[in-house]
Amino acid sequence: MEEEYEAYLDQRNVDPETKAAYKKAVLKAMKYFEARGLEFEEAGVADFEAYIDHLISVGENSEDNILGVARYVYLRDMKEVWIYFAAIIGGREILPSIADRLEEIAGKEVADEVCQGRLITILCGGSGRALATYTIPRIIDCLAEVDK
């Protein structure tokens, strides 16, 4: 994994710090799947949905963790899984992030408390139903707590 992924990231002009974070994210995902008796490249969309749910539940759904794995999935030509990741990350640069928008509306302190530095996916066309039904209620709960 190491040399091929490194070369791929170099082709994309990924800076050394981000490259290290991406490789760490892939290794973390590999360990997650290994603990469940799966090889990374044998995992399907449902397995990666569960992995993303896991990252969300432990507060590790950072952009580096998600993009690092997504880029590795692309490199390994895991088409169905790549389509799943494309739906998650597709709108991240097209639309303003929820954290930025929340900061505009409610201020930086509220945005920091709600988002805690995590990537919050913009749930527009193509995002998975499981992701939306998991994420949206939690965003609402966090916003409700901030308002108290």
C-alpha atoms as a PDB file:
ATOM      1  CA  MET A   1       0.000   0.000   0.000  1.00  0.00           C
ATOM      2  CA  GLU A   2       2.662   2.452   1.084  1.00  0.00           C
ATOM      3  CA  GLU A   3       4.694   3.097  -2.110  1.00  0.00           C
ATOM      4  CA  GLU A   4       1.834   3.020  -4.582  1.00  0.00           C
ATOM      5  CA  TYR A   5      -0.370   5.297  -2.465  1.00  0.00           C
ATOM      6  CA  GLU A   6       2.551   7.634  -1.808  1.00  0.00           C
ATOM      7  CA  ALA A   7       3.191   7.945  -5.571  1.00  0.00           C
ATOM      8  CA  TYR A   8      -0.510   8.567  -6.217  1.00  0.00           C
ATOM      9  CA  LEU A   9      -0.622  11.329  -3.600  1.00  0.00           C
ATOM     10  CA  ASP A  10       2.563  12.844  -5.029  1.00  0.00           C
ATOM     11  CA  GLN A  11       0.914  12.988  -8.469  1.00  0.00           C
ATOM     12  CA  ARG A  12      -1.917  14.954  -6.854  1.00  0.00           C
ATOM     13  CA  ASN A  13       0.575  17.352  -5.206  1.00  0.00           C
ATOM     14  CA  VAL A  14      -0.617  16.486  -1.706  1.00  0.00           C
ATOM     15  CA  ASP A  15       1.524  18.211   0.914  1.00  0.00           C
ATOM     16  CA  PRO A  16       3.563  16.018   3.297  1.00  0.00           C
ATOM     17  CA  GLU A  17       1.391  16.695   6.372  1.00  0.00           C
ATOM     18  CA  THR A  18      -1.828  15.810   4.553  1.00  0.00           C
ATOM     19  CA  LYS A  19      -0.165  12.792   2.952  1.00  0.00           C
ATOM     20  CA  ALA A  20       0.792  11.484   6.402  1.00  0.00           C
ATOM     21  CA  ALA A  21      -2.775  12.042   7.653  1.00  0.00           C
ATOM     22  CA  TYR A  22      -4.237  10.221   4.620  1.00  0.00           C
ATOM     23  CA  LYS A  23      -1.946   7.217   5.080  1.00  0.00           C
ATOM     24  CA  LYS A  24      -2.807   7.089   8.786  1.00  0.00           C
ATOM     25  CA  ALA A  25      -6.513   7.159   7.853  1.00  0.00           C
ATOM     26  CA  VAL A  26      -6.095   4.217   5.469  1.00  0.00           C
ATOM     27  CA  LEU A  27      -4.202   2.195   8.056  1.00  0.00           C
ATOM     28  CA  LYS A  28      -6.933   2.959  10.610  1.00  0.00           C
ATOM     29  CA  ALA A  29      -9.596   1.749   8.155  1.00  0.00           C
ATOM     30  CA  MET A  30      -7.609  -1.390   7.372  1.00  0.00           C
ATOM     31  CA  LYS A  31      -7.369  -2.196  11.090  1.00  0.00           C
ATOM     32  CA  TYR A  32     -11.114  -1.583  11.485  1.00  0.00           C
ATOM     33  CA  PHE A  33     -11.929  -4.060   8.709  1.00  0.00           C
ATOM     34  CA  GLU A  34      -9.311  -6.560   9.844  1.00  0.00           C
ATOM     35  CA  ALA A  35     -10.905  -6.615  13.310  1.00  0.00           C
ATOM     36  CA  ARG A  36     -14.137  -7.614  11.565  1.00  0.00           C
ATOM     37  CA  GLY A  37     -12.537 -10.372   9.526  1.00  0.00           C
ATOM     38  CA  LEU A  38     -12.403  -8.410   6.260  1.00  0.00           C
ATOM     39  CA  GLU A  39      -9.632  -7.337   3.962  1.00  0.00           C
ATOM     40  CA  PHE A  40      -9.928  -3.659   3.000  1.00  0.00           C
ATOM     41  CA  GLU A  41     -10.360  -4.416  -0.693  1.00  0.00           C
ATOM     42  CA  GLU A  42     -13.030  -7.056  -0.008  1.00  0.00           C
ATOM     43  CA  ALA A  43     -15.233  -4.628   1.913  1.00  0.00           C
ATOM     44  CA  GLY A  44     -18.373  -3.473   0.153  1.00  0.00           C
ATOM     45  CA  VAL A  45     -20.484  -0.357   0.317  1.00  0.00           C
ATOM     46  CA  ALA A  46     -22.403  -1.546   3.400  1.00  0.00           C
ATOM     47  CA  ASP A  47     -19.098  -2.193   5.173  1.00  0.00           C
ATOM     48  CA  PHE A  48     -17.864   1.308   4.385  1.00  0.00           C
ATOM     49  CA  GLU A  49     -21.201   2.794   5.457  1.00  0.00           C
ATOM     50  CA  ALA A  50     -20.695   1.060   8.803  1.00  0.00           C
ATOM     51  CA  TYR A  51     -17.129   2.382   8.945  1.00  0.00           C
ATOM     52  CA  ILE A  52     -18.274   5.970   8.324  1.00  0.00           C
ATOM     53  CA  ASP A  53     -20.976   5.510  10.980  1.00  0.00           C
ATOM     54  CA  HIS A  54     -18.205   4.329  13.320  1.00  0.00           C
ATOM     55  CA  LEU A  55     -16.075   7.399  12.541  1.00  0.00           C
ATOM     56  CA  ILE A  56     -19.046   9.655  13.208  1.00  0.00           C
ATOM     57  CA  SER A  57     -19.878   7.898  16.478  1.00  0.00           C
ATOM     58  CA  VAL A  58     -16.325   8.321  17.805  1.00  0.00           C
ATOM     59  CA  GLY A  59     -15.930  11.874  16.477  1.00  0.00           C
ATOM     60  CA  GLU A  60     -13.245  10.956  13.946  1.00  0.00           C
ATOM     61  CA  ASN A  61     -15.085  11.832  10.753  1.00  0.00           C
ATOM     62  CA  SER A  62     -12.525  14.480   9.829  1.00  0.00           C
ATOM     63  CA  GLU A  63     -11.921  15.498   6.249  1.00  0.00           C
ATOM     64  CA  ASP A  64      -8.487  13.835   6.316  1.00  0.00           C
ATOM     65  CA  ASN A  65      -9.922  10.537   7.587  1.00  0.00           C
ATOM     66  CA  ILE A  66     -12.651  10.476   4.960  1.00  0.00           C
ATOM     67  CA  LEU A  67     -10.651  11.827   2.012  1.00  0.00           C
ATOM     68  CA  GLY A  68      -7.645   9.666   2.808  1.00  0.00           C
ATOM     69  CA  VAL A  69      -9.745   6.516   2.601  1.00  0.00           C
ATOM     70  CA  ALA A  70     -11.706   7.801  -0.406  1.00  0.00           C
ATOM     71  CA  ARG A  71      -8.531   8.484  -2.372  1.00  0.00           C
ATOM     72  CA  TYR A  72      -7.180   5.029  -1.541  1.00  0.00           C
ATOM     73  CA  VAL A  73     -10.480   3.440  -2.614  1.00  0.00           C
ATOM     74  CA  TYR A  74     -10.172   5.315  -5.920  1.00  0.00           C
ATOM     75  CA  LEU A  75      -6.565   4.164  -6.373  1.00  0.00           C
ATOM     76  CA  ARG A  76      -7.574   0.535  -5.742  1.00  0.00           C
ATOM     77  CA  ASP A  77     -10.365   0.873  -8.355  1.00  0.00           C
ATOM     78  CA  MET A  78     -13.125  -0.130  -5.940  1.00  0.00           C
ATOM     79  CA  LYS A  79     -15.852   1.331  -8.164  1.00  0.00           C
ATOM     80  CA  GLU A  80     -18.998   0.817  -6.078  1.00  0.00           C
ATOM     81  CA  VAL A  81     -17.301   1.983  -2.894  1.00  0.00           C
ATOM     82  CA  TRP A  82     -15.834   4.969  -4.765  1.00  0.00           C
ATOM     83  CA  ILE A  83     -19.339   5.973  -5.889  1.00  0.00           C
ATOM     84  CA  TYR A  84     -20.426   5.870  -2.233  1.00  0.00           C
ATOM     85  CA  PHE A  85     -17.507   8.108  -1.229  1.00  0.00           C
ATOM     86  CA  ALA A  86     -18.116  10.454  -4.163  1.00  0.00           C
ATOM     87  CA  ALA A  87     -21.643  10.993  -2.857  1.00  0.00           C
ATOM     88  CA  ILE A  88     -20.242  11.904   0.556  1.00  0.00           C
ATOM     89  CA  ILE A  89     -17.455  14.210  -0.569  1.00  0.00           C
ATOM     90  CA  GLY A  90     -18.964  15.505  -3.806  1.00  0.00           C
ATOM     91  CA  GLY A  91     -20.426  18.733  -2.466  1.00  0.00           C
ATOM     92  CA  ARG A  92     -17.707  19.658  -0.014  1.00  0.00           C
ATOM     93  CA  GLU A  93     -16.115  22.281  -2.260  1.00  0.00           C
ATOM     94  CA  ILE A  94     -19.159  23.271  -4.285  1.00  0.00           C
ATOM     95  CA  LEU A  95     -21.344  24.340  -1.388  1.00  0.00           C
ATOM     96  CA  PRO A  96     -20.181  26.173   1.730  1.00  0.00           C
ATOM     97  CA  SER A  97     -19.625  23.871   4.660  1.00  0.00           C
ATOM     98  CA  ILE A  98     -22.233  23.617   7.361  1.00  0.00           C
ATOM     99  CA  ALA A  99     -19.652  24.785   9.900  1.00  0.00           C
ATOM    100  CA  ASP A 100     -18.939  27.946   7.888  1.00  0.00           C
ATOM    101  CA  ARG A 101     -22.633  28.629   7.380  1.00  0.00           C
ATOM    102  CA  LEU A 102     -23.373  28.003  11.058  1.00  0.00           C
ATOM    103  CA  GLU A 103     -20.577  30.405  12.005  1.00  0.00           C
ATOM    104  CA  GLU A 104     -22.158  33.074   9.792  1.00  0.00           C
ATOM    105  CA  ILE A 105     -25.557  32.568  11.415  1.00  0.00           C
ATOM    106  CA  ALA A 106     -24.730  31.870  15.065  1.00  0.00           C
ATOM    107  CA  GLY A 107     -21.084  32.819  15.544  1.00  0.00           C
ATOM    108  CA  LYS A 108     -17.784  30.980  15.793  1.00  0.00           C
ATOM    109  CA  GLU A 109     -18.310  29.775  19.369  1.00  0.00           C
ATOM    110  CA  VAL A 110     -21.545  27.955  18.454  1.00  0.00           C
ATOM    111  CA  ALA A 111     -20.057  26.525  15.251  1.00  0.00           C
ATOM    112  CA  ASP A 112     -17.029  25.213  17.164  1.00  0.00           C
ATOM    113  CA  GLU A 113     -19.214  23.662  19.861  1.00  0.00           C
ATOM    114  CA  VAL A 114     -21.533  21.945  17.385  1.00  0.00           C
ATOM    115  CA  CYS A 115     -18.973  20.823  14.786  1.00  0.00           C
ATOM    116  CA  GLN A 116     -15.951  20.219  17.033  1.00  0.00           C
ATOM    117  CA  GLY A 117     -13.638  20.310  14.012  1.00  0.00           C
ATOM    118  CA  ARG A 118     -15.321  17.363  12.315  1.00  0.00           C
ATOM    119  CA  LEU A 119     -16.295  17.206   8.677  1.00  0.00           C
ATOM    120  CA  ILE A 120     -20.039  17.602   8.424  1.00  0.00           C
ATOM    121  CA  THR A 121     -21.287  16.291   5.125  1.00  0.00           C
ATOM    122  CA  ILE A 122     -23.615  18.422   3.104  1.00  0.00           C
ATOM    123  CA  LEU A 123     -26.518  16.122   2.403  1.00  0.00           C
ATOM    124  CA  CYS A 124     -27.509  17.051  -1.113  1.00  0.00           C
ATOM    125  CA  GLY A 125     -28.554  14.849  -4.015  1.00  0.00           C
ATOM    126  CA  GLY A 126     -26.729  11.543  -4.048  1.00  0.00           C
ATOM    127  CA  SER A 127     -25.890  11.277  -0.359  1.00  0.00           C
ATOM    128  CA  GLY A 128     -26.816   7.999   1.224  1.00  0.00           C
ATOM    129  CA  ARG A 129     -30.060   7.700   3.152  1.00  0.00           C
ATOM    130  CA  ALA A 130     -28.294   5.941   6.030  1.00  0.00           C
ATOM    131  CA  LEU A 131     -25.859   8.825   6.341  1.00  0.00           C
ATOM    132  CA  ALA A 132     -28.651  11.382   6.295  1.00  0.00           C
ATOM    133  CA  THR A 133     -30.841   9.553   8.818  1.00  0.00           C
ATOM    134  CA  TYR A 134     -27.858   9.146  11.135  1.00  0.00           C
ATOM    135  CA  THR A 135     -26.407  12.637  10.773  1.00  0.00           C
ATOM    136  CA  ILE A 136     -29.370  15.030  10.575  1.00  0.00           C
ATOM    137  CA  PRO A 137     -30.968  14.116  13.934  1.00  0.00           C
ATOM    138  CA  ARG A 138     -27.577  14.466  15.635  1.00  0.00           C
ATOM    139  CA  ILE A 139     -27.041  17.906  14.108  1.00  0.00           C
ATOM    140  CA  ILE A 140     -30.486  18.934  15.332  1.00  0.00           C
ATOM    141  CA  ASP A 141     -29.760  17.560  18.831  1.00  0.00           C
ATOM    142  CA  CYS A 142     -26.444  19.458  18.961  1.00  0.00           C
ATOM    143  CA  LEU A 143     -28.112  22.675  17.857  1.00  0.00           C
ATOM    144  CA  ALA A 144     -30.884  22.205  20.432  1.00  0.00           C
ATOM    145  CA  GLU A 145     -28.307  21.740  23.207  1.00  0.00           C
ATOM    146  CA  VAL A 146     -26.406  24.864  22.164  1.00  0.00           C
ATOM    147  CA  ASP A 147     -29.601  26.902  22.369  1.00  0.00           C
ATOM    148  CA  LYS A 148     -30.220  25.926  26.022  1.00  0.00           C
END
